[in-house]
Amino acid sequence: MSSPSKRREMDLMKLMMSDYKVEMVNDGMQEFFVEFRGPNESIYQGGVWKVRVELPDAYPYKSPSIGFINKIYHPNVDEMSGSVCLDVINQTWSPMFGKIDLSILLLVYIASYFYLFHYL
């Protein structure tokens, strides 16, 4: 099995080769920004969203910290901090979910589905 640092490097390289714009913070591989467009046929269509991703030292055994930089109104995103409040990211994380690209896909998913009944 590969070491956590090799896993981090491999997952980050896959993300950088994707369609998302990735901007590294400093020279390390632990903190970066990802920019993606709002999904078509959603209330977020036409928007551009930027998230901050921080990988803990124990990644992939510990979940990444993910938060929106720009404002987004969604029941799974804290309005003040921009933190993503998804169960799979925050509580039930497993190294099986360890690919960073999966985390970004989850963010695209939550941006696609805005459930008004969460506020009721």
PDB file of N, CA and C in Angstrom:
ATOM      1  N   MET A   1       0.839  -1.181   0.000  1.00  0.00           N
ATOM      2  CA  MET A   1       0.000   0.000   0.000  1.00  0.00           C
ATOM      3  C   MET A   1       0.888   1.249   0.000  1.00  0.00           C
ATOM      4  N   SER A   2       0.469   2.276  -0.718  1.00  0.00           N
ATOM      5  CA  SER A   2       1.284   3.478  -0.828  1.00  0.00           C
ATOM      6  C   SER A   2       1.203   4.326   0.439  1.00  0.00           C
ATOM      7  N   SER A   3       2.210   5.130   0.625  1.00  0.00           N
ATOM      8  CA  SER A   3       2.246   5.994   1.801  1.00  0.00           C
ATOM      9  C   SER A   3       1.265   7.143   1.621  1.00  0.00           C
ATOM     10  N   PRO A   4       0.845   7.774   2.745  1.00  0.00           N
ATOM     11  CA  PRO A   4      -0.090   8.903   2.642  1.00  0.00           C
ATOM     12  C   PRO A   4       0.435  10.045   1.769  1.00  0.00           C
ATOM     13  N   SER A   5       1.739  10.324   1.806  1.00  0.00           N
ATOM     14  CA  SER A   5       2.263  11.428   0.990  1.00  0.00           C
ATOM     15  C   SER A   5       2.191  11.100  -0.499  1.00  0.00           C
ATOM     16  N   LYS A   6       2.444   9.846  -0.859  1.00  0.00           N
ATOM     17  CA  LYS A   6       2.321   9.448  -2.267  1.00  0.00           C
ATOM     18  C   LYS A   6       0.864   9.504  -2.706  1.00  0.00           C
ATOM     19  N   ARG A   7      -0.029   9.104  -1.845  1.00  0.00           N
ATOM     20  CA  ARG A   7      -1.459   9.160  -2.151  1.00  0.00           C
ATOM     21  C   ARG A   7      -1.898  10.607  -2.360  1.00  0.00           C
ATOM     22  N   ARG A   8      -1.442  11.495  -1.486  1.00  0.00           N
ATOM     23  CA  ARG A   8      -1.774  12.916  -1.613  1.00  0.00           C
ATOM     24  C   ARG A   8      -1.274  13.439  -2.961  1.00  0.00           C
ATOM     25  N   GLU A   9      -0.047  13.120  -3.286  1.00  0.00           N
ATOM     26  CA  GLU A   9       0.555  13.584  -4.537  1.00  0.00           C
ATOM     27  C   GLU A   9      -0.214  13.049  -5.744  1.00  0.00           C
ATOM     28  N   MET A  10      -0.558  11.771  -5.736  1.00  0.00           N
ATOM     29  CA  MET A  10      -1.278  11.160  -6.838  1.00  0.00           C
ATOM     30  C   MET A  10      -2.675  11.780  -7.007  1.00  0.00           C
ATOM     31  N   ASP A  11      -3.398  11.946  -5.904  1.00  0.00           N
ATOM     32  CA  ASP A  11      -4.736  12.524  -5.971  1.00  0.00           C
ATOM     33  C   ASP A  11      -4.690  13.969  -6.454  1.00  0.00           C
ATOM     34  N   LEU A  12      -3.697  14.718  -5.991  1.00  0.00           N
ATOM     35  CA  LEU A  12      -3.576  16.110  -6.394  1.00  0.00           C
ATOM     36  C   LEU A  12      -3.236  16.222  -7.879  1.00  0.00           C
ATOM     37  N   MET A  13      -2.378  15.360  -8.375  1.00  0.00           N
ATOM     38  CA  MET A  13      -2.035  15.369  -9.797  1.00  0.00           C
ATOM     39  C   MET A  13      -3.265  15.067 -10.651  1.00  0.00           C
ATOM     40  N   LYS A  14      -4.095  14.123 -10.218  1.00  0.00           N
ATOM     41  CA  LYS A  14      -5.328  13.812 -10.950  1.00  0.00           C
ATOM     42  C   LYS A  14      -6.247  15.029 -10.996  1.00  0.00           C
ATOM     43  N   LEU A  15      -6.342  15.724  -9.894  1.00  0.00           N
ATOM     44  CA  LEU A  15      -7.191  16.906  -9.836  1.00  0.00           C
ATOM     45  C   LEU A  15      -6.650  18.002 -10.757  1.00  0.00           C
ATOM     46  N   MET A  16      -5.339  18.188 -10.772  1.00  0.00           N
ATOM     47  CA  MET A  16      -4.737  19.219 -11.604  1.00  0.00           C
ATOM     48  C   MET A  16      -4.886  18.912 -13.091  1.00  0.00           C
ATOM     49  N   MET A  17      -5.029  17.651 -13.438  1.00  0.00           N
ATOM     50  CA  MET A  17      -5.208  17.255 -14.833  1.00  0.00           C
ATOM     51  C   MET A  17      -6.680  17.288 -15.252  1.00  0.00           C
ATOM     52  N   SER A  18      -7.570  17.600 -14.336  1.00  0.00           N
ATOM     53  CA  SER A  18      -8.999  17.656 -14.639  1.00  0.00           C
ATOM     54  C   SER A  18      -9.356  19.004 -15.262  1.00  0.00           C
ATOM     55  N   ASP A  19     -10.651  19.232 -15.437  1.00  0.00           N
ATOM     56  CA  ASP A  19     -11.140  20.482 -16.025  1.00  0.00           C
ATOM     57  C   ASP A  19     -11.215  21.627 -15.019  1.00  0.00           C
ATOM     58  N   TYR A  20     -10.941  21.361 -13.758  1.00  0.00           N
ATOM     59  CA  TYR A  20     -11.023  22.403 -12.738  1.00  0.00           C
ATOM     60  C   TYR A  20      -9.743  23.232 -12.718  1.00  0.00           C
ATOM     61  N   LYS A  21      -9.893  24.507 -12.370  1.00  0.00           N
ATOM     62  CA  LYS A  21      -8.719  25.367 -12.201  1.00  0.00           C
ATOM     63  C   LYS A  21      -8.216  25.154 -10.780  1.00  0.00           C
ATOM     64  N   VAL A  22      -6.953  24.769 -10.648  1.00  0.00           N
ATOM     65  CA  VAL A  22      -6.350  24.487  -9.344  1.00  0.00           C
ATOM     66  C   VAL A  22      -5.224  25.485  -9.107  1.00  0.00           C
ATOM     67  N   GLU A  23      -5.262  26.128  -7.952  1.00  0.00           N
ATOM     68  CA  GLU A  23      -4.251  27.117  -7.583  1.00  0.00           C
ATOM     69  C   GLU A  23      -3.643  26.707  -6.249  1.00  0.00           C
ATOM     70  N   MET A  24      -2.355  26.409  -6.266  1.00  0.00           N
ATOM     71  CA  MET A  24      -1.669  25.965  -5.062  1.00  0.00           C
ATOM     72  C   MET A  24      -1.383  27.154  -4.143  1.00  0.00           C
ATOM     73  N   VAL A  25      -1.425  26.917  -2.831  1.00  0.00           N
ATOM     74  CA  VAL A  25      -1.048  27.917  -1.843  1.00  0.00           C
ATOM     75  C   VAL A  25       0.368  27.564  -1.403  1.00  0.00           C
ATOM     76  N   ASN A  26       1.279  28.512  -1.516  1.00  0.00           N
ATOM     77  CA  ASN A  26       2.693  28.283  -1.212  1.00  0.00           C
ATOM     78  C   ASN A  26       3.240  27.180  -2.109  1.00  0.00           C
ATOM     79  N   ASP A  27       4.237  26.488  -1.660  1.00  0.00           N
ATOM     80  CA  ASP A  27       4.823  25.417  -2.456  1.00  0.00           C
ATOM     81  C   ASP A  27       4.404  24.037  -1.974  1.00  0.00           C
ATOM     82  N   GLY A  28       3.636  23.985  -0.911  1.00  0.00           N
ATOM     83  CA  GLY A  28       3.230  22.706  -0.356  1.00  0.00           C
ATOM     84  C   GLY A  28       2.094  22.073  -1.136  1.00  0.00           C
ATOM     85  N   MET A  29       1.774  20.855  -0.761  1.00  0.00           N
ATOM     86  CA  MET A  29       0.685  20.135  -1.419  1.00  0.00           C
ATOM     87  C   MET A  29      -0.502  19.955  -0.484  1.00  0.00           C
ATOM     88  N   GLN A  30      -0.544  20.734   0.584  1.00  0.00           N
ATOM     89  CA  GLN A  30      -1.597  20.537   1.558  1.00  0.00           C
ATOM     90  C   GLN A  30      -2.736  21.529   1.433  1.00  0.00           C
ATOM     91  N   GLU A  31      -2.520  22.655   0.796  1.00  0.00           N
ATOM     92  CA  GLU A  31      -3.558  23.667   0.716  1.00  0.00           C
ATOM     93  C   GLU A  31      -3.613  24.221  -0.699  1.00  0.00           C
ATOM     94  N   PHE A  32      -4.844  24.279  -1.242  1.00  0.00           N
ATOM     95  CA  PHE A  32      -5.010  24.793  -2.591  1.00  0.00           C
ATOM     96  C   PHE A  32      -6.448  25.259  -2.788  1.00  0.00           C
ATOM     97  N   PHE A  33      -6.653  25.996  -3.873  1.00  0.00           N
ATOM     98  CA  PHE A  33      -7.970  26.474  -4.249  1.00  0.00           C
ATOM     99  C   PHE A  33      -8.390  25.754  -5.520  1.00  0.00           C
ATOM    100  N   VAL A  34      -9.687  25.491  -5.634  1.00  0.00           N
ATOM    101  CA  VAL A  34     -10.243  24.876  -6.834  1.00  0.00           C
ATOM    102  C   VAL A  34     -11.398  25.743  -7.290  1.00  0.00           C
ATOM    103  N   GLU A  35     -11.432  26.027  -8.579  1.00  0.00           N
ATOM    104  CA  GLU A  35     -12.494  26.851  -9.146  1.00  0.00           C
ATOM    105  C   GLU A  35     -13.306  25.999 -10.110  1.00  0.00           C
ATOM    106  N   PHE A  36     -14.627  26.087  -9.997  1.00  0.00           N
ATOM    107  CA  PHE A  36     -15.492  25.349 -10.914  1.00  0.00           C
ATOM    108  C   PHE A  36     -16.730  26.175 -11.230  1.00  0.00           C
ATOM    109  N   ARG A  37     -17.367  25.854 -12.325  1.00  0.00           N
ATOM    110  CA  ARG A  37     -18.565  26.563 -12.777  1.00  0.00           C
ATOM    111  C   ARG A  37     -19.809  25.904 -12.206  1.00  0.00           C
ATOM    112  N   GLY A  38     -20.819  26.731 -11.970  1.00  0.00           N
ATOM    113  CA  GLY A  38     -22.096  26.202 -11.518  1.00  0.00           C
ATOM    114  C   GLY A  38     -22.685  25.283 -12.577  1.00  0.00           C
ATOM    115  N   PRO A  39     -23.282  24.196 -12.162  1.00  0.00           N
ATOM    116  CA  PRO A  39     -23.833  23.230 -13.112  1.00  0.00           C
ATOM    117  C   PRO A  39     -24.970  23.824 -13.956  1.00  0.00           C
ATOM    118  N   ASN A  40     -25.040  23.393 -15.201  1.00  0.00           N
ATOM    119  CA  ASN A  40     -26.135  23.803 -16.077  1.00  0.00           C
ATOM    120  C   ASN A  40     -27.467  23.373 -15.489  1.00  0.00           C
ATOM    121  N   GLU A  41     -28.496  24.125 -15.827  1.00  0.00           N
ATOM    122  CA  GLU A  41     -29.861  23.838 -15.403  1.00  0.00           C
ATOM    123  C   GLU A  41     -30.008  23.786 -13.880  1.00  0.00           C
ATOM    124  N   SER A  42     -29.248  24.620 -13.199  1.00  0.00           N
ATOM    125  CA  SER A  42     -29.372  24.762 -11.754  1.00  0.00           C
ATOM    126  C   SER A  42     -29.454  26.247 -11.437  1.00  0.00           C
ATOM    127  N   ILE A  43     -29.817  26.577 -10.220  1.00  0.00           N
ATOM    128  CA  ILE A  43     -29.859  27.995  -9.862  1.00  0.00           C
ATOM    129  C   ILE A  43     -28.453  28.590  -9.804  1.00  0.00           C
ATOM    130  N   TYR A  44     -27.426  27.760  -9.865  1.00  0.00           N
ATOM    131  CA  TYR A  44     -26.038  28.212  -9.825  1.00  0.00           C
ATOM    132  C   TYR A  44     -25.422  28.339 -11.217  1.00  0.00           C
ATOM    133  N   GLN A  45     -26.203  28.037 -12.256  1.00  0.00           N
ATOM    134  CA  GLN A  45     -25.710  28.120 -13.634  1.00  0.00           C
ATOM    135  C   GLN A  45     -25.177  29.519 -13.914  1.00  0.00           C
ATOM    136  N   GLY A  46     -24.028  29.592 -14.550  1.00  0.00           N
ATOM    137  CA  GLY A  46     -23.413  30.873 -14.882  1.00  0.00           C
ATOM    138  C   GLY A  46     -22.482  31.396 -13.799  1.00  0.00           C
ATOM    139  N   GLY A  47     -22.557  30.824 -12.611  1.00  0.00           N
ATOM    140  CA  GLY A  47     -21.677  31.253 -11.527  1.00  0.00           C
ATOM    141  C   GLY A  47     -20.345  30.535 -11.561  1.00  0.00           C
ATOM    142  N   VAL A  48     -19.366  31.148 -10.958  1.00  0.00           N
ATOM    143  CA  VAL A  48     -18.047  30.528 -10.807  1.00  0.00           C
ATOM    144  C   VAL A  48     -17.772  30.449  -9.318  1.00  0.00           C
ATOM    145  N   TRP A  49     -17.468  29.259  -8.833  1.00  0.00           N
ATOM    146  CA  TRP A  49     -17.306  29.013  -7.403  1.00  0.00           C
ATOM    147  C   TRP A  49     -15.867  28.622  -7.110  1.00  0.00           C
ATOM    148  N   LYS A  50     -15.357  29.170  -6.032  1.00  0.00           N
ATOM    149  CA  LYS A  50     -13.988  28.882  -5.620  1.00  0.00           C
ATOM    150  C   LYS A  50     -14.038  28.272  -4.225  1.00  0.00           C
ATOM    151  N   VAL A  51     -13.373  27.137  -4.070  1.00  0.00           N
ATOM    152  CA  VAL A  51     -13.310  26.475  -2.772  1.00  0.00           C
ATOM    153  C   VAL A  51     -11.855  26.350  -2.337  1.00  0.00           C
ATOM    154  N   ARG A  52     -11.675  26.395  -1.040  1.00  0.00           N
ATOM    155  CA  ARG A  52     -10.369  26.179  -0.431  1.00  0.00           C
ATOM    156  C   ARG A  52     -10.343  24.752   0.084  1.00  0.00           C
ATOM    157  N   VAL A  53      -9.306  24.020  -0.253  1.00  0.00           N
ATOM    158  CA  VAL A  53      -9.160  22.638   0.197  1.00  0.00           C
ATOM    159  C   VAL A  53      -7.868  22.542   0.995  1.00  0.00           C
ATOM    160  N   GLU A  54      -7.974  21.974   2.195  1.00  0.00           N
ATOM    161  CA  GLU A  54      -6.782  21.745   3.011  1.00  0.00           C
ATOM    162  C   GLU A  54      -6.721  20.266   3.345  1.00  0.00           C
ATOM    163  N   LEU A  55      -5.609  19.657   3.007  1.00  0.00           N
ATOM    164  CA  LEU A  55      -5.411  18.240   3.289  1.00  0.00           C
ATOM    165  C   LEU A  55      -4.639  18.096   4.594  1.00  0.00           C
ATOM    166  N   PRO A  56      -5.189  17.365   5.553  1.00  0.00           N
ATOM    167  CA  PRO A  56      -4.479  17.179   6.820  1.00  0.00           C
ATOM    168  C   PRO A  56      -3.260  16.267   6.638  1.00  0.00           C
ATOM    169  N   ASP A  57      -2.363  16.298   7.582  1.00  0.00           N
ATOM    170  CA  ASP A  57      -1.189  15.419   7.520  1.00  0.00           C
ATOM    171  C   ASP A  57      -1.592  13.962   7.385  1.00  0.00           C
ATOM    172  N   ALA A  58      -2.704  13.586   7.994  1.00  0.00           N
ATOM    173  CA  ALA A  58      -3.148  12.188   7.997  1.00  0.00           C
ATOM    174  C   ALA A  58      -3.983  11.816   6.765  1.00  0.00           C
ATOM    175  N   TYR A  59      -4.095  12.702   5.773  1.00  0.00           N
ATOM    176  CA  TYR A  59      -4.823  12.367   4.546  1.00  0.00           C
ATOM    177  C   TYR A  59      -4.167  11.167   3.893  1.00  0.00           C
ATOM    178  N   PRO A  60      -4.867  10.166   3.436  1.00  0.00           N
ATOM    179  CA  PRO A  60      -6.301  10.040   3.208  1.00  0.00           C
ATOM    180  C   PRO A  60      -7.083   9.425   4.368  1.00  0.00           C
ATOM    181  N   TYR A  61      -6.417   9.240   5.498  1.00  0.00           N
ATOM    182  CA  TYR A  61      -7.108   8.633   6.639  1.00  0.00           C
ATOM    183  C   TYR A  61      -7.990   9.631   7.373  1.00  0.00           C
ATOM    184  N   LYS A  62      -7.748  10.902   7.148  1.00  0.00           N
ATOM    185  CA  LYS A  62      -8.563  11.970   7.727  1.00  0.00           C
ATOM    186  C   LYS A  62      -9.082  12.822   6.574  1.00  0.00           C
ATOM    187  N   SER A  63     -10.312  13.302   6.703  1.00  0.00           N
ATOM    188  CA  SER A  63     -10.962  14.024   5.607  1.00  0.00           C
ATOM    189  C   SER A  63     -10.332  15.391   5.358  1.00  0.00           C
ATOM    190  N   PRO A  64     -10.425  15.852   4.095  1.00  0.00           N
ATOM    191  CA  PRO A  64      -9.962  17.203   3.805  1.00  0.00           C
ATOM    192  C   PRO A  64     -10.936  18.224   4.377  1.00  0.00           C
ATOM    193  N   SER A  65     -10.440  19.413   4.615  1.00  0.00           N
ATOM    194  CA  SER A  65     -11.283  20.531   5.027  1.00  0.00           C
ATOM    195  C   SER A  65     -11.617  21.302   3.759  1.00  0.00           C
ATOM    196  N   ILE A  66     -12.904  21.514   3.499  1.00  0.00           N
ATOM    197  CA  ILE A  66     -13.341  22.150   2.264  1.00  0.00           C
ATOM    198  C   ILE A  66     -14.307  23.271   2.591  1.00  0.00           C
ATOM    199  N   GLY A  67     -14.069  24.435   2.009  1.00  0.00           N
ATOM    200  CA  GLY A  67     -14.961  25.565   2.238  1.00  0.00           C
ATOM    201  C   GLY A  67     -15.016  26.496   1.041  1.00  0.00           C
ATOM    202  N   PHE A  68     -16.176  27.077   0.820  1.00  0.00           N
ATOM    203  CA  PHE A  68     -16.349  28.034  -0.267  1.00  0.00           C
ATOM    204  C   PHE A  68     -15.707  29.358   0.105  1.00  0.00           C
ATOM    205  N   ILE A  69     -15.020  29.967  -0.851  1.00  0.00           N
ATOM    206  CA  ILE A  69     -14.413  31.281  -0.664  1.00  0.00           C
ATOM    207  C   ILE A  69     -15.463  32.357  -0.948  1.00  0.00           C
ATOM    208  N   ASN A  70     -16.164  32.212  -2.062  1.00  0.00           N
ATOM    209  CA  ASN A  70     -17.206  33.179  -2.376  1.00  0.00           C
ATOM    210  C   ASN A  70     -18.540  32.706  -1.798  1.00  0.00           C
ATOM    211  N   LYS A  71     -19.451  33.630  -1.629  1.00  0.00           N
ATOM    212  CA  LYS A  71     -20.756  33.324  -1.023  1.00  0.00           C
ATOM    213  C   LYS A  71     -21.552  32.358  -1.880  1.00  0.00           C
ATOM    214  N   ILE A  72     -22.151  31.394  -1.218  1.00  0.00           N
ATOM    215  CA  ILE A  72     -23.085  30.483  -1.869  1.00  0.00           C
ATOM    216  C   ILE A  72     -24.176  30.198  -0.839  1.00  0.00           C
ATOM    217  N   TYR A  73     -25.393  30.220  -1.285  1.00  0.00           N
ATOM    218  CA  TYR A  73     -26.512  29.957  -0.388  1.00  0.00           C
ATOM    219  C   TYR A  73     -27.006  28.545  -0.647  1.00  0.00           C
ATOM    220  N   HIS A  74     -26.738  27.686   0.310  1.00  0.00           N
ATOM    221  CA  HIS A  74     -27.081  26.267   0.206  1.00  0.00           C
ATOM    222  C   HIS A  74     -27.190  25.709   1.620  1.00  0.00           C
ATOM    223  N   PRO A  75     -28.159  24.818   1.872  1.00  0.00           N
ATOM    224  CA  PRO A  75     -28.331  24.289   3.229  1.00  0.00           C
ATOM    225  C   PRO A  75     -27.150  23.459   3.741  1.00  0.00           C
ATOM    226  N   ASN A  76     -26.280  22.978   2.867  1.00  0.00           N
ATOM    227  CA  ASN A  76     -25.129  22.188   3.308  1.00  0.00           C
ATOM    228  C   ASN A  76     -23.842  23.001   3.375  1.00  0.00           C
ATOM    229  N   VAL A  77     -23.976  24.332   3.285  1.00  0.00           N
ATOM    230  CA  VAL A  77     -22.811  25.213   3.381  1.00  0.00           C
ATOM    231  C   VAL A  77     -23.097  26.259   4.445  1.00  0.00           C
ATOM    232  N   ASP A  78     -22.183  26.386   5.405  1.00  0.00           N
ATOM    233  CA  ASP A  78     -22.335  27.382   6.460  1.00  0.00           C
ATOM    234  C   ASP A  78     -22.248  28.779   5.849  1.00  0.00           C
ATOM    235  N   GLU A  79     -23.275  29.581   6.078  1.00  0.00           N
ATOM    236  CA  GLU A  79     -23.367  30.895   5.446  1.00  0.00           C
ATOM    237  C   GLU A  79     -22.226  31.825   5.855  1.00  0.00           C
ATOM    238  N   MET A  80     -21.798  31.760   7.089  1.00  0.00           N
ATOM    239  CA  MET A  80     -20.755  32.670   7.578  1.00  0.00           C
ATOM    240  C   MET A  80     -19.339  32.231   7.169  1.00  0.00           C
ATOM    241  N   SER A  81     -19.027  30.950   7.348  1.00  0.00           N
ATOM    242  CA  SER A  81     -17.655  30.489   7.118  1.00  0.00           C
ATOM    243  C   SER A  81     -17.430  29.893   5.732  1.00  0.00           C
ATOM    244  N   GLY A  82     -18.502  29.455   5.071  1.00  0.00           N
ATOM    245  CA  GLY A  82     -18.363  28.785   3.782  1.00  0.00           C
ATOM    246  C   GLY A  82     -18.021  27.317   3.902  1.00  0.00           C
ATOM    247  N   SER A  83     -17.925  26.795   5.130  1.00  0.00           N
ATOM    248  CA  SER A  83     -17.586  25.381   5.337  1.00  0.00           C
ATOM    249  C   SER A  83     -18.673  24.474   4.793  1.00  0.00           C
ATOM    250  N   VAL A  84     -18.234  23.395   4.155  1.00  0.00           N
ATOM    251  CA  VAL A  84     -19.170  22.405   3.627  1.00  0.00           C
ATOM    252  C   VAL A  84     -19.535  21.455   4.745  1.00  0.00           C
ATOM    253  N   CYS A  85     -20.825  21.274   4.968  1.00  0.00           N
ATOM    254  CA  CYS A  85     -21.331  20.449   6.063  1.00  0.00           C
ATOM    255  C   CYS A  85     -21.940  19.165   5.518  1.00  0.00           C
ATOM    256  N   LEU A  86     -21.158  18.386   4.812  1.00  0.00           N
ATOM    257  CA  LEU A  86     -21.655  17.122   4.279  1.00  0.00           C
ATOM    258  C   LEU A  86     -21.166  15.971   5.142  1.00  0.00           C
ATOM    259  N   ASP A  87     -22.051  15.050   5.433  1.00  0.00           N
ATOM    260  CA  ASP A  87     -21.742  13.915   6.279  1.00  0.00           C
ATOM    261  C   ASP A  87     -20.544  13.127   5.760  1.00  0.00           C
ATOM    262  N   VAL A  88     -20.484  12.880   4.462  1.00  0.00           N
ATOM    263  CA  VAL A  88     -19.398  12.051   3.930  1.00  0.00           C
ATOM    264  C   VAL A  88     -18.041  12.738   4.082  1.00  0.00           C
ATOM    265  N   ILE A  89     -18.016  14.063   4.064  1.00  0.00           N
ATOM    266  CA  ILE A  89     -16.746  14.777   4.231  1.00  0.00           C
ATOM    267  C   ILE A  89     -16.387  14.889   5.702  1.00  0.00           C
ATOM    268  N   ASN A  90     -17.351  15.237   6.531  1.00  0.00           N
ATOM    269  CA  ASN A  90     -17.049  15.582   7.919  1.00  0.00           C
ATOM    270  C   ASN A  90     -17.112  14.438   8.923  1.00  0.00           C
ATOM    271  N   GLN A  91     -17.929  13.428   8.706  1.00  0.00           N
ATOM    272  CA  GLN A  91     -18.124  12.430   9.754  1.00  0.00           C
ATOM    273  C   GLN A  91     -17.837  10.999   9.324  1.00  0.00           C
ATOM    274  N   THR A  92     -18.212  10.614   8.134  1.00  0.00           N
ATOM    275  CA  THR A  92     -18.062   9.218   7.739  1.00  0.00           C
ATOM    276  C   THR A  92     -16.941   9.017   6.738  1.00  0.00           C
ATOM    277  N   TRP A  93     -15.946   9.867   6.798  1.00  0.00           N
ATOM    278  CA  TRP A  93     -14.825   9.784   5.869  1.00  0.00           C
ATOM    279  C   TRP A  93     -14.109   8.457   6.013  1.00  0.00           C
ATOM    280  N   SER A  94     -13.682   7.928   4.899  1.00  0.00           N
ATOM    281  CA  SER A  94     -12.908   6.697   4.857  1.00  0.00           C
ATOM    282  C   SER A  94     -11.841   6.873   3.787  1.00  0.00           C
ATOM    283  N   PRO A  95     -10.685   6.215   3.911  1.00  0.00           N
ATOM    284  CA  PRO A  95      -9.685   6.303   2.840  1.00  0.00           C
ATOM    285  C   PRO A  95     -10.226   5.855   1.484  1.00  0.00           C
ATOM    286  N   MET A  96     -11.302   5.065   1.490  1.00  0.00           N
ATOM    287  CA  MET A  96     -11.938   4.687   0.221  1.00  0.00           C
ATOM    288  C   MET A  96     -12.423   5.928  -0.516  1.00  0.00           C
ATOM    289  N   PHE A  97     -12.857   6.955   0.232  1.00  0.00           N
ATOM    290  CA  PHE A  97     -13.339   8.190  -0.362  1.00  0.00           C
ATOM    291  C   PHE A  97     -12.197   9.158  -0.595  1.00  0.00           C
ATOM    292  N   GLY A  98     -10.970   8.710  -0.408  1.00  0.00           N
ATOM    293  CA  GLY A  98      -9.827   9.588  -0.328  1.00  0.00           C
ATOM    294  C   GLY A  98      -9.456  10.387  -1.546  1.00  0.00           C
ATOM    295  N   LYS A  99     -10.054  10.156  -2.642  1.00  0.00           N
ATOM    296  CA  LYS A  99      -9.656  10.921  -3.809  1.00  0.00           C
ATOM    297  C   LYS A  99     -10.192  12.332  -3.717  1.00  0.00           C
ATOM    298  N   ILE A 100      -9.314  13.293  -3.892  1.00  0.00           N
ATOM    299  CA  ILE A 100      -9.698  14.686  -3.824  1.00  0.00           C
ATOM    300  C   ILE A 100     -10.753  14.982  -4.877  1.00  0.00           C
ATOM    301  N   ASP A 101     -10.620  14.364  -6.045  1.00  0.00           N
ATOM    302  CA  ASP A 101     -11.584  14.650  -7.105  1.00  0.00           C
ATOM    303  C   ASP A 101     -12.993  14.267  -6.687  1.00  0.00           C
ATOM    304  N   LEU A 102     -13.151  13.262  -5.841  1.00  0.00           N
ATOM    305  CA  LEU A 102     -14.466  12.906  -5.325  1.00  0.00           C
ATOM    306  C   LEU A 102     -15.020  14.049  -4.483  1.00  0.00           C
ATOM    307  N   SER A 103     -14.178  14.668  -3.670  1.00  0.00           N
ATOM    308  CA  SER A 103     -14.633  15.789  -2.852  1.00  0.00           C
ATOM    309  C   SER A 103     -15.125  16.935  -3.719  1.00  0.00           C
ATOM    310  N   ILE A 104     -14.423  17.209  -4.787  1.00  0.00           N
ATOM    311  CA  ILE A 104     -14.832  18.298  -5.674  1.00  0.00           C
ATOM    312  C   ILE A 104     -16.130  17.928  -6.374  1.00  0.00           C
ATOM    313  N   LEU A 105     -16.264  16.680  -6.770  1.00  0.00           N
ATOM    314  CA  LEU A 105     -17.526  16.249  -7.391  1.00  0.00           C
ATOM    315  C   LEU A 105     -18.688  16.391  -6.418  1.00  0.00           C
ATOM    316  N   LEU A 106     -18.444  16.126  -5.146  1.00  0.00           N
ATOM    317  CA  LEU A 106     -19.496  16.322  -4.148  1.00  0.00           C
ATOM    318  C   LEU A 106     -19.902  17.784  -4.064  1.00  0.00           C
ATOM    319  N   LEU A 107     -18.939  18.673  -4.176  1.00  0.00           N
ATOM    320  CA  LEU A 107     -19.256  20.100  -4.149  1.00  0.00           C
ATOM    321  C   LEU A 107     -20.088  20.493  -5.364  1.00  0.00           C
ATOM    322  N   VAL A 108     -19.742  19.949  -6.518  1.00  0.00           N
ATOM    323  CA  VAL A 108     -20.543  20.215  -7.714  1.00  0.00           C
ATOM    324  C   VAL A 108     -21.948  19.661  -7.515  1.00  0.00           C
ATOM    325  N   TYR A 109     -22.043  18.495  -6.893  1.00  0.00           N
ATOM    326  CA  TYR A 109     -23.347  17.893  -6.629  1.00  0.00           C
ATOM    327  C   TYR A 109     -24.197  18.782  -5.728  1.00  0.00           C
ATOM    328  N   ILE A 110     -23.628  19.285  -4.638  1.00  0.00           N
ATOM    329  CA  ILE A 110     -24.450  20.110  -3.748  1.00  0.00           C
ATOM    330  C   ILE A 110     -24.822  21.422  -4.415  1.00  0.00           C
ATOM    331  N   ALA A 111     -23.961  21.902  -5.312  1.00  0.00           N
ATOM    332  CA  ALA A 111     -24.313  23.114  -6.035  1.00  0.00           C
ATOM    333  C   ALA A 111     -25.429  22.847  -7.043  1.00  0.00           C
ATOM    334  N   SER A 112     -25.599  21.583  -7.448  1.00  0.00           N
ATOM    335  CA  SER A 112     -26.639  21.230  -8.421  1.00  0.00           C
ATOM    336  C   SER A 112     -28.018  21.133  -7.800  1.00  0.00           C
ATOM    337  N   TYR A 113     -28.075  20.754  -6.549  1.00  0.00           N
ATOM    338  CA  TYR A 113     -29.360  20.470  -5.930  1.00  0.00           C
ATOM    339  C   TYR A 113     -29.568  21.341  -4.699  1.00  0.00           C
ATOM    340  N   PHE A 114     -30.417  22.298  -4.843  1.00  0.00           N
ATOM    341  CA  PHE A 114     -30.733  23.208  -3.751  1.00  0.00           C
ATOM    342  C   PHE A 114     -32.113  22.829  -3.260  1.00  0.00           C
ATOM    343  N   TYR A 115     -32.184  22.241  -2.093  1.00  0.00           N
ATOM    344  CA  TYR A 115     -33.463  21.784  -1.568  1.00  0.00           C
ATOM    345  C   TYR A 115     -34.038  22.815  -0.611  1.00  0.00           C
ATOM    346  N   LEU A 116     -35.080  23.488  -1.038  1.00  0.00           N
ATOM    347  CA  LEU A 116     -35.709  24.529  -0.243  1.00  0.00           C
ATOM    348  C   LEU A 116     -36.298  23.965   1.051  1.00  0.00           C
ATOM    349  N   PHE A 117     -36.733  22.711   1.027  1.00  0.00           N
ATOM    350  CA  PHE A 117     -37.384  22.161   2.220  1.00  0.00           C
ATOM    351  C   PHE A 117     -36.429  22.058   3.401  1.00  0.00           C
ATOM    352  N   HIS A 118     -35.118  22.156   3.193  1.00  0.00           N
ATOM    353  CA  HIS A 118     -34.185  22.154   4.324  1.00  0.00           C
ATOM    354  C   HIS A 118     -34.401  23.349   5.229  1.00  0.00           C
ATOM    355  N   TYR A 119     -34.941  24.436   4.665  1.00  0.00           N
ATOM    356  CA  TYR A 119     -35.169  25.648   5.439  1.00  0.00           C
ATOM    357  C   TYR A 119     -36.526  25.661   6.132  1.00  0.00           C
ATOM    358  N   LEU A 120     -37.385  24.763   5.761  1.00  0.00           N
ATOM    359  CA  LEU A 120     -38.742  24.758   6.322  1.00  0.00           C
ATOM    360  C   LEU A 120     -38.797  24.075   7.675  1.00  0.00           C
TER     361      LEU A 120
END
